[in-house]
């Protein structure tokens, strides 16, 4: 992963959409913020907002993905007065895999470049604040799943080893033996795998999977 999100980032929960609003001299600015996982999803959200507000003067989009890609557009507003301020709000909030579209209904009075920057910023900030208040924001962490195949006799000791290494058991399958799926913050799984190997007298019972981003 690139783009400075490091070992984690904040996003909106899948399916969540929140809005915030700001008004200045009868111009209404409505910021709509949602979770997206790709550029195509961001484009689809923009199309949906444009259809919803087909009578609005401008629908200004900004999005950031967890892989570092980001984009914004002024949608006919003066250059750098709308899309970039909205993008800066998303960056400042540490959000990724999100798209914000700010709809403007023109109130008849020109606000000037400074007024537009303030208005688009305030609307986007209101949407982010609403997301925080609604509990729609979640923290995504780089995690590593580990699958462990073990005899029943070792079950309690292995679950304790997982907890000691800072992990948790996410799934259990009980058949002739036990298959556990444990999840750790990326890097912590090595300590657990070593401890399980020691417990099993050198046998590799624990198999790490591919790291991925998830709530932890």
N, C-alpha and C. Protein backbone atom coordinates (compact mmCIF):
# COMPACT_ATOMS: atom_id res chain seq x y z
N UNK A 1 0.83 -1.19 0.00
CA UNK A 1 0.00 0.00 0.00
C UNK A 1 0.86 1.24 0.00
N UNK A 2 0.38 2.26 -0.72
CA UNK A 2 1.11 3.52 -0.77
C UNK A 2 0.20 4.63 -0.28
N UNK A 3 0.74 5.87 -0.39
CA UNK A 3 -0.13 7.00 -0.13
C UNK A 3 -0.13 7.48 1.29
N UNK A 4 0.75 6.91 2.15
CA UNK A 4 0.93 7.48 3.47
C UNK A 4 -0.08 7.01 4.49
N UNK A 5 -0.95 6.04 4.19
CA UNK A 5 -1.87 5.55 5.21
C UNK A 5 -1.15 4.61 6.17
N UNK A 6 0.08 4.18 5.84
CA UNK A 6 0.88 3.39 6.76
C UNK A 6 0.21 2.08 7.10
N UNK A 7 0.23 1.73 8.40
CA UNK A 7 -0.30 0.44 8.82
C UNK A 7 -1.79 0.51 9.13
N UNK A 8 -2.43 1.62 8.85
CA UNK A 8 -3.86 1.72 9.12
C UNK A 8 -4.43 3.02 8.60
N UNK A 9 -5.74 3.07 8.52
CA UNK A 9 -6.41 4.29 8.08
C UNK A 9 -7.85 4.26 8.58
N UNK A 10 -8.50 5.40 8.48
CA UNK A 10 -9.91 5.50 8.87
C UNK A 10 -10.78 5.52 7.62
N UNK A 11 -11.94 4.94 7.72
CA UNK A 11 -12.87 4.96 6.60
C UNK A 11 -14.29 4.95 7.14
N UNK A 12 -15.27 5.01 6.25
CA UNK A 12 -16.66 4.83 6.64
C UNK A 12 -17.01 3.35 6.52
N UNK A 13 -17.89 2.89 7.38
CA UNK A 13 -18.33 1.50 7.28
C UNK A 13 -19.02 1.29 5.94
N UNK A 14 -18.85 0.09 5.38
CA UNK A 14 -19.47 -0.24 4.10
C UNK A 14 -20.97 -0.01 4.18
N UNK A 15 -21.52 0.66 3.17
CA UNK A 15 -22.96 0.92 3.12
C UNK A 15 -23.39 2.20 3.81
N UNK A 16 -22.47 2.82 4.56
CA UNK A 16 -22.83 4.06 5.28
C UNK A 16 -22.78 5.25 4.32
N UNK A 17 -23.77 6.13 4.47
CA UNK A 17 -23.74 7.42 3.77
C UNK A 17 -24.22 8.48 4.74
N UNK A 18 -23.46 9.54 4.89
CA UNK A 18 -23.83 10.63 5.80
C UNK A 18 -23.77 11.95 5.02
N UNK A 19 -24.42 12.96 5.57
CA UNK A 19 -24.40 14.26 4.89
C UNK A 19 -24.23 15.38 5.90
N UNK A 20 -23.75 16.50 5.41
CA UNK A 20 -23.62 17.71 6.21
C UNK A 20 -23.95 18.90 5.32
N UNK A 21 -24.39 19.98 5.92
CA UNK A 21 -24.86 21.10 5.09
C UNK A 21 -24.32 22.43 5.63
N UNK A 22 -24.10 23.37 4.71
CA UNK A 22 -23.66 24.71 5.05
C UNK A 22 -24.38 25.68 4.12
N UNK A 23 -24.77 26.83 4.65
CA UNK A 23 -25.47 27.82 3.83
C UNK A 23 -24.77 29.18 3.96
N UNK A 24 -24.62 29.86 2.83
CA UNK A 24 -24.02 31.19 2.81
C UNK A 24 -24.73 32.02 1.75
N UNK A 25 -25.36 33.11 2.18
CA UNK A 25 -26.09 34.03 1.29
C UNK A 25 -27.01 33.26 0.32
N UNK A 26 -27.76 32.37 0.92
CA UNK A 26 -28.81 31.58 0.24
C UNK A 26 -28.26 30.52 -0.71
N UNK A 27 -26.95 30.40 -0.83
CA UNK A 27 -26.38 29.25 -1.54
C UNK A 27 -26.30 28.09 -0.55
N UNK A 28 -26.85 26.93 -0.95
CA UNK A 28 -26.81 25.74 -0.08
C UNK A 28 -25.71 24.80 -0.57
N UNK A 29 -24.92 24.31 0.36
CA UNK A 29 -23.86 23.37 0.06
C UNK A 29 -24.15 22.08 0.85
N UNK A 30 -24.44 21.00 0.16
CA UNK A 30 -24.82 19.74 0.80
C UNK A 30 -23.72 18.71 0.50
N UNK A 31 -22.99 18.31 1.54
CA UNK A 31 -21.91 17.34 1.38
C UNK A 31 -22.43 15.94 1.68
N UNK A 32 -22.22 15.03 0.73
CA UNK A 32 -22.64 13.64 0.89
C UNK A 32 -21.40 12.76 0.87
N UNK A 33 -21.21 11.98 1.94
CA UNK A 33 -19.98 11.22 2.16
C UNK A 33 -20.31 9.75 2.27
N UNK A 34 -19.56 8.90 1.55
CA UNK A 34 -19.83 7.46 1.60
C UNK A 34 -18.54 6.67 1.49
N UNK A 35 -18.64 5.38 1.79
CA UNK A 35 -17.52 4.45 1.61
C UNK A 35 -17.46 4.00 0.15
N UNK A 36 -16.27 3.99 -0.42
CA UNK A 36 -16.07 3.42 -1.76
C UNK A 36 -14.80 2.57 -1.73
N UNK A 37 -14.79 1.52 -2.56
CA UNK A 37 -13.62 0.64 -2.59
C UNK A 37 -12.84 0.73 -3.88
N UNK A 38 -13.30 1.57 -4.81
CA UNK A 38 -12.62 1.67 -6.11
C UNK A 38 -13.02 2.97 -6.79
N UNK A 39 -12.29 3.31 -7.85
CA UNK A 39 -12.62 4.49 -8.65
C UNK A 39 -14.00 4.33 -9.28
N UNK A 40 -14.33 3.11 -9.71
CA UNK A 40 -15.65 2.86 -10.33
C UNK A 40 -16.77 3.12 -9.33
N UNK A 41 -16.57 2.73 -8.06
CA UNK A 41 -17.60 2.98 -7.04
C UNK A 41 -17.73 4.48 -6.76
N UNK A 42 -16.61 5.20 -6.80
CA UNK A 42 -16.67 6.66 -6.61
C UNK A 42 -17.44 7.30 -7.76
N UNK A 43 -17.17 6.85 -9.00
CA UNK A 43 -17.89 7.37 -10.17
C UNK A 43 -19.38 7.08 -10.08
N UNK A 44 -19.71 5.87 -9.60
CA UNK A 44 -21.12 5.49 -9.48
C UNK A 44 -21.83 6.35 -8.43
N UNK A 45 -21.13 6.64 -7.33
CA UNK A 45 -21.72 7.49 -6.28
C UNK A 45 -21.95 8.90 -6.82
N UNK A 46 -20.97 9.43 -7.55
CA UNK A 46 -21.12 10.77 -8.14
C UNK A 46 -22.32 10.79 -9.09
N UNK A 47 -22.47 9.74 -9.91
CA UNK A 47 -23.61 9.68 -10.84
C UNK A 47 -24.93 9.64 -10.08
N UNK A 48 -24.95 8.90 -8.96
CA UNK A 48 -26.18 8.81 -8.16
C UNK A 48 -26.53 10.16 -7.54
N UNK A 49 -25.50 10.89 -7.04
CA UNK A 49 -25.74 12.21 -6.45
C UNK A 49 -26.20 13.19 -7.52
N UNK A 50 -25.59 13.12 -8.70
CA UNK A 50 -26.01 14.02 -9.79
C UNK A 50 -27.47 13.77 -10.17
N UNK A 51 -27.88 12.49 -10.18
CA UNK A 51 -29.27 12.17 -10.50
C UNK A 51 -30.21 12.67 -9.40
N UNK A 52 -29.77 12.54 -8.17
CA UNK A 52 -30.56 12.97 -7.01
C UNK A 52 -30.74 14.49 -7.01
N UNK A 53 -29.67 15.20 -7.38
CA UNK A 53 -29.69 16.67 -7.37
C UNK A 53 -29.50 17.19 -8.80
N UNK A 54 -30.34 16.69 -9.71
CA UNK A 54 -30.19 17.05 -11.13
C UNK A 54 -30.42 18.54 -11.39
N UNK A 55 -31.10 19.22 -10.46
CA UNK A 55 -31.40 20.64 -10.64
C UNK A 55 -30.38 21.55 -9.97
N UNK A 56 -29.30 20.96 -9.41
CA UNK A 56 -28.29 21.78 -8.72
C UNK A 56 -27.30 22.37 -9.74
N UNK A 57 -26.67 23.48 -9.34
CA UNK A 57 -25.71 24.15 -10.22
C UNK A 57 -24.41 23.34 -10.32
N UNK A 58 -23.94 22.79 -9.19
CA UNK A 58 -22.66 22.07 -9.19
C UNK A 58 -22.77 20.83 -8.29
N UNK A 59 -22.10 19.75 -8.69
CA UNK A 59 -21.89 18.58 -7.84
C UNK A 59 -20.38 18.30 -7.85
N UNK A 60 -19.72 18.70 -6.78
CA UNK A 60 -18.25 18.69 -6.71
C UNK A 60 -17.76 17.43 -6.00
N UNK A 61 -17.02 16.55 -6.71
CA UNK A 61 -16.56 15.31 -6.09
C UNK A 61 -15.10 15.36 -5.62
N UNK A 62 -14.81 14.58 -4.58
CA UNK A 62 -13.43 14.34 -4.15
C UNK A 62 -13.40 12.94 -3.54
N UNK A 63 -12.38 12.16 -3.91
CA UNK A 63 -12.28 10.83 -3.31
C UNK A 63 -10.83 10.46 -3.05
N UNK A 64 -10.64 9.58 -2.06
CA UNK A 64 -9.32 9.05 -1.70
C UNK A 64 -9.47 7.54 -1.52
N UNK A 65 -8.59 6.77 -2.14
CA UNK A 65 -8.58 5.32 -1.95
C UNK A 65 -7.40 4.93 -1.05
N UNK A 66 -7.52 3.75 -0.45
CA UNK A 66 -6.49 3.29 0.49
C UNK A 66 -5.17 2.99 -0.19
N UNK A 67 -5.18 2.83 -1.52
CA UNK A 67 -3.91 2.59 -2.22
C UNK A 67 -3.18 3.88 -2.56
N UNK A 68 -3.74 5.02 -2.10
CA UNK A 68 -3.07 6.30 -2.31
C UNK A 68 -3.62 7.12 -3.46
N UNK A 69 -4.43 6.51 -4.33
CA UNK A 69 -5.01 7.28 -5.43
C UNK A 69 -6.05 8.25 -4.88
N UNK A 70 -6.12 9.43 -5.46
CA UNK A 70 -7.11 10.43 -5.04
C UNK A 70 -7.42 11.33 -6.23
N UNK A 71 -8.61 11.92 -6.19
CA UNK A 71 -9.00 12.80 -7.30
C UNK A 71 -10.06 13.77 -6.81
N UNK A 72 -10.12 14.92 -7.47
CA UNK A 72 -11.18 15.87 -7.18
C UNK A 72 -11.46 16.68 -8.45
N UNK A 73 -12.61 17.33 -8.47
CA UNK A 73 -12.99 18.17 -9.61
C UNK A 73 -13.75 19.38 -9.08
N UNK A 74 -13.57 20.53 -9.76
CA UNK A 74 -14.31 21.74 -9.37
C UNK A 74 -15.70 21.79 -10.02
N UNK A 75 -15.98 20.91 -10.95
CA UNK A 75 -17.29 20.83 -11.61
C UNK A 75 -17.84 22.20 -12.01
N UNK A 76 -17.01 23.01 -12.63
CA UNK A 76 -17.48 24.30 -13.14
C UNK A 76 -17.28 25.47 -12.20
N UNK A 77 -16.93 25.22 -10.94
CA UNK A 77 -16.61 26.32 -10.03
C UNK A 77 -15.21 26.85 -10.41
N UNK A 78 -14.86 28.07 -9.99
CA UNK A 78 -13.52 28.58 -10.28
C UNK A 78 -12.44 27.62 -9.77
N UNK A 79 -11.33 27.54 -10.51
CA UNK A 79 -10.27 26.58 -10.22
C UNK A 79 -9.81 26.62 -8.77
N UNK A 80 -9.74 25.41 -8.15
CA UNK A 80 -9.21 25.19 -6.79
C UNK A 80 -10.05 25.83 -5.70
N UNK A 81 -11.30 26.18 -5.99
CA UNK A 81 -12.16 26.77 -4.94
C UNK A 81 -13.08 25.73 -4.30
N UNK A 82 -13.16 24.51 -4.84
CA UNK A 82 -14.18 23.57 -4.35
C UNK A 82 -13.65 22.15 -4.19
N UNK A 83 -13.23 21.53 -5.30
CA UNK A 83 -12.78 20.14 -5.19
C UNK A 83 -11.59 19.96 -4.27
N UNK A 84 -10.57 20.82 -4.41
CA UNK A 84 -9.38 20.70 -3.57
C UNK A 84 -9.68 20.94 -2.09
N UNK A 85 -10.49 21.96 -1.73
CA UNK A 85 -10.83 22.11 -0.31
C UNK A 85 -11.55 20.88 0.27
N UNK A 86 -12.42 20.25 -0.51
CA UNK A 86 -13.12 19.05 -0.03
C UNK A 86 -12.11 17.91 0.17
N UNK A 87 -11.20 17.76 -0.80
CA UNK A 87 -10.17 16.73 -0.69
C UNK A 87 -9.30 16.96 0.54
N UNK A 88 -8.97 18.22 0.82
CA UNK A 88 -8.13 18.55 1.98
C UNK A 88 -8.84 18.17 3.29
N UNK A 89 -10.15 18.31 3.34
CA UNK A 89 -10.90 17.91 4.53
C UNK A 89 -10.79 16.40 4.75
N UNK A 90 -10.94 15.62 3.67
CA UNK A 90 -10.82 14.16 3.77
C UNK A 90 -9.42 13.77 4.22
N UNK A 91 -8.41 14.41 3.63
CA UNK A 91 -7.03 14.13 4.03
C UNK A 91 -6.81 14.45 5.50
N UNK A 92 -7.29 15.63 5.90
CA UNK A 92 -7.09 16.09 7.27
C UNK A 92 -7.75 15.18 8.30
N UNK A 93 -8.83 14.53 7.89
CA UNK A 93 -9.54 13.62 8.80
C UNK A 93 -8.91 12.23 8.80
N UNK A 94 -7.87 12.03 7.95
CA UNK A 94 -7.22 10.72 7.88
C UNK A 94 -8.08 9.64 7.26
N UNK A 95 -9.00 10.05 6.37
CA UNK A 95 -9.93 9.10 5.76
C UNK A 95 -9.39 8.56 4.44
N UNK A 96 -9.73 7.31 4.13
CA UNK A 96 -9.41 6.70 2.84
C UNK A 96 -10.54 5.76 2.47
N UNK A 97 -10.59 5.35 1.21
CA UNK A 97 -11.72 4.57 0.68
C UNK A 97 -13.04 5.30 0.93
N UNK A 98 -13.03 6.61 0.65
CA UNK A 98 -14.23 7.43 0.81
C UNK A 98 -14.38 8.35 -0.39
N UNK A 99 -15.63 8.74 -0.64
CA UNK A 99 -15.94 9.74 -1.67
C UNK A 99 -16.90 10.75 -1.07
N UNK A 100 -16.62 12.02 -1.29
CA UNK A 100 -17.50 13.10 -0.83
C UNK A 100 -17.91 13.92 -2.05
N UNK A 101 -19.21 14.10 -2.22
CA UNK A 101 -19.73 14.96 -3.29
C UNK A 101 -20.49 16.10 -2.64
N UNK A 102 -20.09 17.32 -2.93
CA UNK A 102 -20.76 18.49 -2.37
C UNK A 102 -21.63 19.13 -3.46
N UNK A 103 -22.91 19.13 -3.21
CA UNK A 103 -23.90 19.70 -4.13
C UNK A 103 -24.13 21.16 -3.76
N UNK A 104 -24.10 22.05 -4.77
CA UNK A 104 -24.37 23.46 -4.50
C UNK A 104 -25.61 23.91 -5.26
N UNK A 105 -26.53 24.47 -4.47
CA UNK A 105 -27.68 25.17 -5.05
C UNK A 105 -27.38 26.66 -4.95
N UNK A 106 -27.26 27.32 -6.09
CA UNK A 106 -26.85 28.72 -6.15
C UNK A 106 -27.94 29.63 -5.59
N UNK A 107 -27.52 30.55 -4.72
CA UNK A 107 -28.48 31.44 -4.07
C UNK A 107 -28.64 32.79 -4.71
N UNK A 108 -27.92 33.03 -5.81
CA UNK A 108 -28.09 34.30 -6.52
C UNK A 108 -27.01 35.32 -6.24
N UNK A 109 -26.17 35.07 -5.23
CA UNK A 109 -25.09 36.00 -4.89
C UNK A 109 -23.75 35.32 -5.08
N UNK A 110 -22.83 35.93 -5.82
CA UNK A 110 -21.49 35.39 -5.98
C UNK A 110 -20.73 35.48 -4.66
N UNK A 111 -20.07 34.39 -4.29
CA UNK A 111 -19.38 34.36 -2.99
C UNK A 111 -17.90 34.71 -3.10
N UNK A 112 -17.36 34.71 -4.33
CA UNK A 112 -15.94 34.97 -4.49
C UNK A 112 -15.12 33.73 -4.14
N UNK A 113 -13.87 33.67 -4.60
CA UNK A 113 -13.04 32.49 -4.36
C UNK A 113 -12.90 32.12 -2.88
N UNK A 114 -12.62 33.11 -2.04
CA UNK A 114 -12.46 32.84 -0.61
C UNK A 114 -13.74 32.31 0.02
N UNK A 115 -14.86 32.87 -0.37
CA UNK A 115 -16.15 32.42 0.15
C UNK A 115 -16.47 31.00 -0.27
N UNK A 116 -16.12 30.67 -1.52
CA UNK A 116 -16.36 29.31 -2.00
C UNK A 116 -15.50 28.30 -1.25
N UNK A 117 -14.23 28.62 -1.05
CA UNK A 117 -13.34 27.71 -0.32
C UNK A 117 -13.90 27.47 1.08
N UNK A 118 -14.31 28.54 1.75
CA UNK A 118 -14.86 28.39 3.11
C UNK A 118 -16.12 27.54 3.11
N UNK A 119 -16.99 27.77 2.13
CA UNK A 119 -18.28 27.07 2.10
C UNK A 119 -18.10 25.58 1.81
N UNK A 120 -17.30 25.25 0.80
CA UNK A 120 -17.09 23.84 0.47
C UNK A 120 -16.37 23.11 1.61
N UNK A 121 -15.41 23.80 2.24
CA UNK A 121 -14.70 23.23 3.39
C UNK A 121 -15.68 22.96 4.53
N UNK A 122 -16.52 23.94 4.84
CA UNK A 122 -17.46 23.81 5.97
C UNK A 122 -18.45 22.68 5.73
N UNK A 123 -18.95 22.55 4.51
CA UNK A 123 -19.91 21.48 4.21
C UNK A 123 -19.26 20.11 4.38
N UNK A 124 -18.05 19.95 3.83
CA UNK A 124 -17.35 18.66 3.96
C UNK A 124 -17.04 18.36 5.42
N UNK A 125 -16.63 19.37 6.18
CA UNK A 125 -16.36 19.16 7.61
C UNK A 125 -17.63 18.74 8.36
N UNK A 126 -18.77 19.31 7.96
CA UNK A 126 -20.03 18.95 8.60
C UNK A 126 -20.37 17.48 8.34
N UNK A 127 -20.08 16.99 7.12
CA UNK A 127 -20.34 15.59 6.79
C UNK A 127 -19.43 14.67 7.60
N UNK A 128 -18.15 15.02 7.71
CA UNK A 128 -17.21 14.21 8.49
C UNK A 128 -17.65 14.18 9.96
N UNK A 129 -18.05 15.34 10.49
CA UNK A 129 -18.51 15.41 11.89
C UNK A 129 -19.75 14.54 12.10
N UNK A 130 -20.65 14.53 11.12
CA UNK A 130 -21.86 13.70 11.21
C UNK A 130 -21.50 12.23 11.21
N UNK A 131 -20.50 11.86 10.39
CA UNK A 131 -20.06 10.46 10.35
C UNK A 131 -19.47 10.03 11.69
N UNK A 132 -18.67 10.92 12.29
CA UNK A 132 -18.10 10.63 13.61
C UNK A 132 -19.22 10.46 14.65
N UNK A 133 -20.16 11.38 14.63
CA UNK A 133 -21.26 11.35 15.61
C UNK A 133 -22.12 10.11 15.45
N UNK A 134 -22.34 9.68 14.20
CA UNK A 134 -23.20 8.51 13.94
C UNK A 134 -22.48 7.19 14.18
N UNK A 135 -21.17 7.24 14.47
CA UNK A 135 -20.41 6.00 14.63
C UNK A 135 -20.16 5.29 13.32
N UNK A 136 -20.19 6.06 12.21
CA UNK A 136 -20.00 5.46 10.88
C UNK A 136 -18.54 5.32 10.51
N UNK A 137 -17.64 5.95 11.29
CA UNK A 137 -16.21 5.90 10.98
C UNK A 137 -15.58 4.70 11.70
N UNK A 138 -14.77 3.93 10.99
CA UNK A 138 -14.08 2.81 11.62
C UNK A 138 -12.60 2.84 11.26
N UNK A 139 -11.81 2.19 12.09
CA UNK A 139 -10.36 2.14 11.91
C UNK A 139 -10.00 0.83 11.21
N UNK A 140 -9.28 0.94 10.09
CA UNK A 140 -8.82 -0.25 9.37
C UNK A 140 -7.34 -0.47 9.68
N UNK A 141 -7.02 -1.70 10.04
CA UNK A 141 -5.67 -2.07 10.46
C UNK A 141 -5.14 -3.16 9.54
N UNK A 142 -3.84 -3.14 9.25
CA UNK A 142 -3.24 -4.22 8.47
C UNK A 142 -3.13 -5.44 9.37
N UNK A 143 -3.88 -6.49 9.04
CA UNK A 143 -3.91 -7.69 9.87
C UNK A 143 -3.45 -8.90 9.07
N UNK A 144 -3.03 -9.94 9.81
CA UNK A 144 -2.60 -11.18 9.18
C UNK A 144 -3.40 -12.34 9.78
N UNK A 145 -4.14 -13.09 8.96
CA UNK A 145 -4.85 -14.26 9.47
C UNK A 145 -3.89 -15.46 9.58
N UNK A 146 -4.10 -16.28 10.58
CA UNK A 146 -3.29 -17.49 10.76
C UNK A 146 -4.24 -18.67 10.98
N UNK A 147 -4.08 -19.73 10.18
CA UNK A 147 -4.89 -20.93 10.34
C UNK A 147 -4.08 -21.96 11.13
N UNK A 148 -4.71 -22.53 12.15
CA UNK A 148 -4.03 -23.52 13.00
C UNK A 148 -4.85 -24.81 13.01
N UNK A 149 -4.20 -25.91 12.66
CA UNK A 149 -4.81 -27.24 12.71
C UNK A 149 -4.22 -27.94 13.94
N UNK A 150 -5.05 -28.29 14.92
CA UNK A 150 -4.48 -28.80 16.17
C UNK A 150 -5.39 -29.85 16.81
N UNK A 151 -4.81 -30.72 17.62
CA UNK A 151 -5.63 -31.67 18.37
C UNK A 151 -6.40 -30.95 19.48
N UNK A 152 -7.53 -31.54 19.88
CA UNK A 152 -8.36 -30.95 20.93
C UNK A 152 -7.58 -30.65 22.20
N UNK A 153 -6.60 -31.51 22.50
CA UNK A 153 -5.84 -31.38 23.75
C UNK A 153 -5.09 -30.05 23.83
N UNK A 154 -4.77 -29.46 22.67
CA UNK A 154 -4.00 -28.20 22.67
C UNK A 154 -4.88 -26.96 22.52
N UNK A 155 -6.19 -27.15 22.40
CA UNK A 155 -7.10 -26.03 22.07
C UNK A 155 -6.95 -24.86 23.06
N UNK A 156 -7.10 -25.14 24.35
CA UNK A 156 -7.06 -24.06 25.36
C UNK A 156 -5.71 -23.35 25.35
N UNK A 157 -4.64 -24.13 25.21
CA UNK A 157 -3.30 -23.52 25.27
C UNK A 157 -3.04 -22.64 24.04
N UNK A 158 -3.51 -23.10 22.87
CA UNK A 158 -3.30 -22.31 21.65
C UNK A 158 -4.12 -21.02 21.67
N UNK A 159 -5.37 -21.08 22.14
CA UNK A 159 -6.18 -19.84 22.22
C UNK A 159 -5.54 -18.86 23.20
N UNK A 160 -4.92 -19.40 24.26
CA UNK A 160 -4.24 -18.52 25.23
C UNK A 160 -3.00 -17.89 24.59
N UNK A 161 -2.28 -18.68 23.78
CA UNK A 161 -1.11 -18.15 23.07
C UNK A 161 -1.51 -17.03 22.11
N UNK A 162 -2.66 -17.21 21.43
CA UNK A 162 -3.15 -16.18 20.51
C UNK A 162 -3.42 -14.88 21.26
N UNK A 163 -4.08 -14.99 22.41
CA UNK A 163 -4.39 -13.79 23.21
C UNK A 163 -3.10 -13.14 23.72
N UNK A 164 -2.14 -13.97 24.15
CA UNK A 164 -0.87 -13.45 24.66
C UNK A 164 -0.11 -12.67 23.59
N UNK A 165 -0.28 -13.07 22.31
CA UNK A 165 0.41 -12.39 21.20
C UNK A 165 -0.40 -11.20 20.66
N UNK A 166 -1.50 -10.88 21.34
CA UNK A 166 -2.31 -9.73 20.93
C UNK A 166 -3.32 -10.03 19.85
N UNK A 167 -3.59 -11.32 19.60
CA UNK A 167 -4.54 -11.70 18.55
C UNK A 167 -5.88 -12.13 19.11
N UNK A 168 -6.74 -12.55 18.21
CA UNK A 168 -8.04 -13.07 18.62
C UNK A 168 -8.45 -14.19 17.66
N UNK A 169 -9.28 -15.10 18.16
CA UNK A 169 -9.80 -16.19 17.33
C UNK A 169 -11.03 -15.67 16.59
N UNK A 170 -11.00 -15.74 15.26
CA UNK A 170 -12.14 -15.22 14.47
C UNK A 170 -13.06 -16.34 13.99
N UNK A 171 -12.54 -17.58 13.98
CA UNK A 171 -13.38 -18.70 13.51
C UNK A 171 -12.84 -20.01 14.07
N UNK A 172 -13.76 -20.94 14.38
CA UNK A 172 -13.38 -22.26 14.90
C UNK A 172 -14.17 -23.32 14.16
N UNK A 173 -13.49 -24.39 13.77
CA UNK A 173 -14.15 -25.51 13.10
C UNK A 173 -13.76 -26.78 13.85
N UNK A 174 -14.77 -27.45 14.43
CA UNK A 174 -14.53 -28.63 15.24
C UNK A 174 -14.92 -29.88 14.46
N UNK A 175 -13.93 -30.71 14.13
CA UNK A 175 -14.18 -31.97 13.42
C UNK A 175 -13.34 -33.04 14.13
N UNK A 176 -12.57 -33.85 13.39
CA UNK A 176 -11.69 -34.83 14.04
C UNK A 176 -10.64 -34.12 14.88
N UNK A 177 -10.20 -32.99 14.37
CA UNK A 177 -9.36 -32.11 15.18
C UNK A 177 -9.97 -30.71 15.10
N UNK A 178 -9.26 -29.70 15.54
CA UNK A 178 -9.78 -28.33 15.58
C UNK A 178 -9.03 -27.47 14.56
N UNK A 179 -9.78 -26.70 13.79
CA UNK A 179 -9.14 -25.71 12.92
C UNK A 179 -9.53 -24.33 13.42
N UNK A 180 -8.54 -23.57 13.81
CA UNK A 180 -8.77 -22.21 14.30
C UNK A 180 -8.27 -21.21 13.27
N UNK A 181 -9.01 -20.14 13.08
CA UNK A 181 -8.49 -19.00 12.33
C UNK A 181 -8.31 -17.87 13.33
N UNK A 182 -7.08 -17.41 13.46
CA UNK A 182 -6.75 -16.32 14.38
C UNK A 182 -6.33 -15.10 13.57
N UNK A 183 -6.55 -13.93 14.12
CA UNK A 183 -6.18 -12.69 13.43
C UNK A 183 -5.27 -11.87 14.33
N UNK A 184 -4.21 -11.35 13.73
CA UNK A 184 -3.23 -10.54 14.46
C UNK A 184 -2.93 -9.27 13.69
N UNK A 185 -2.50 -8.24 14.40
CA UNK A 185 -1.93 -7.09 13.70
C UNK A 185 -0.68 -7.59 12.96
N UNK A 186 -0.52 -7.15 11.71
CA UNK A 186 0.59 -7.64 10.89
C UNK A 186 1.91 -7.50 11.65
N UNK A 187 2.65 -8.59 11.75
CA UNK A 187 3.91 -8.62 12.49
C UNK A 187 3.79 -9.40 13.78
N UNK A 188 2.62 -9.29 14.44
CA UNK A 188 2.42 -10.00 15.72
C UNK A 188 2.24 -11.51 15.53
N UNK A 189 1.88 -11.92 14.30
CA UNK A 189 1.61 -13.35 14.07
C UNK A 189 2.89 -14.19 14.19
N UNK A 190 4.07 -13.56 13.97
CA UNK A 190 5.31 -14.33 14.02
C UNK A 190 5.57 -14.89 15.42
N UNK A 191 5.29 -14.07 16.41
CA UNK A 191 5.47 -14.51 17.80
C UNK A 191 4.54 -15.68 18.12
N UNK A 192 3.30 -15.60 17.65
CA UNK A 192 2.33 -16.67 17.88
C UNK A 192 2.75 -17.96 17.18
N UNK A 193 3.15 -17.86 15.91
CA UNK A 193 3.55 -19.06 15.15
C UNK A 193 4.75 -19.75 15.81
N UNK A 194 5.69 -18.96 16.31
CA UNK A 194 6.86 -19.53 16.99
C UNK A 194 6.44 -20.26 18.26
N UNK A 195 5.52 -19.65 19.01
CA UNK A 195 5.06 -20.26 20.27
C UNK A 195 4.31 -21.56 20.00
N UNK A 196 3.51 -21.59 18.93
CA UNK A 196 2.77 -22.82 18.58
C UNK A 196 3.75 -23.91 18.12
N UNK A 197 4.76 -23.52 17.36
CA UNK A 197 5.76 -24.49 16.90
C UNK A 197 6.48 -25.11 18.10
N UNK A 198 6.80 -24.27 19.10
CA UNK A 198 7.47 -24.76 20.31
C UNK A 198 6.55 -25.71 21.07
N UNK A 199 5.28 -25.34 21.17
CA UNK A 199 4.30 -26.18 21.87
C UNK A 199 4.14 -27.54 21.19
N UNK A 200 4.23 -27.54 19.84
CA UNK A 200 4.02 -28.76 19.06
C UNK A 200 5.33 -29.48 18.76
N UNK A 201 6.38 -29.21 19.56
CA UNK A 201 7.67 -29.89 19.43
C UNK A 201 8.25 -29.76 18.02
N UNK A 202 8.16 -28.55 17.45
CA UNK A 202 8.78 -28.27 16.17
C UNK A 202 7.89 -28.46 14.96
N UNK A 203 6.68 -28.97 15.18
CA UNK A 203 5.76 -29.18 14.05
C UNK A 203 5.08 -27.86 13.68
N UNK A 204 4.96 -27.57 12.37
CA UNK A 204 4.34 -26.32 11.93
C UNK A 204 2.82 -26.49 11.83
N UNK A 205 2.13 -26.20 12.91
CA UNK A 205 0.67 -26.32 12.92
C UNK A 205 0.00 -25.02 12.45
N UNK A 206 0.73 -23.91 12.53
CA UNK A 206 0.16 -22.59 12.23
C UNK A 206 0.64 -22.11 10.86
N UNK A 207 -0.32 -21.71 10.00
CA UNK A 207 0.02 -21.24 8.65
C UNK A 207 -0.48 -19.80 8.47
N UNK A 208 0.44 -18.83 8.39
CA UNK A 208 0.02 -17.44 8.17
C UNK A 208 -0.55 -17.25 6.76
N UNK A 209 -1.53 -16.37 6.63
CA UNK A 209 -2.11 -16.03 5.33
C UNK A 209 -1.58 -14.69 4.84
N UNK A 210 -2.25 -14.15 3.83
CA UNK A 210 -1.85 -12.86 3.26
C UNK A 210 -2.37 -11.71 4.12
N UNK A 211 -1.51 -10.73 4.45
CA UNK A 211 -2.01 -9.57 5.20
C UNK A 211 -3.09 -8.82 4.40
N UNK A 212 -4.03 -8.22 5.12
CA UNK A 212 -5.11 -7.45 4.48
C UNK A 212 -5.57 -6.40 5.49
N UNK A 213 -6.32 -5.42 4.99
CA UNK A 213 -6.87 -4.41 5.88
C UNK A 213 -8.25 -4.82 6.37
N UNK A 214 -8.47 -4.68 7.66
CA UNK A 214 -9.77 -5.04 8.26
C UNK A 214 -9.90 -4.29 9.58
N UNK A 215 -11.13 -4.26 10.11
CA UNK A 215 -11.30 -3.77 11.48
C UNK A 215 -10.69 -4.78 12.42
N UNK A 216 -10.06 -4.30 13.49
CA UNK A 216 -9.42 -5.23 14.42
C UNK A 216 -9.92 -4.93 15.82
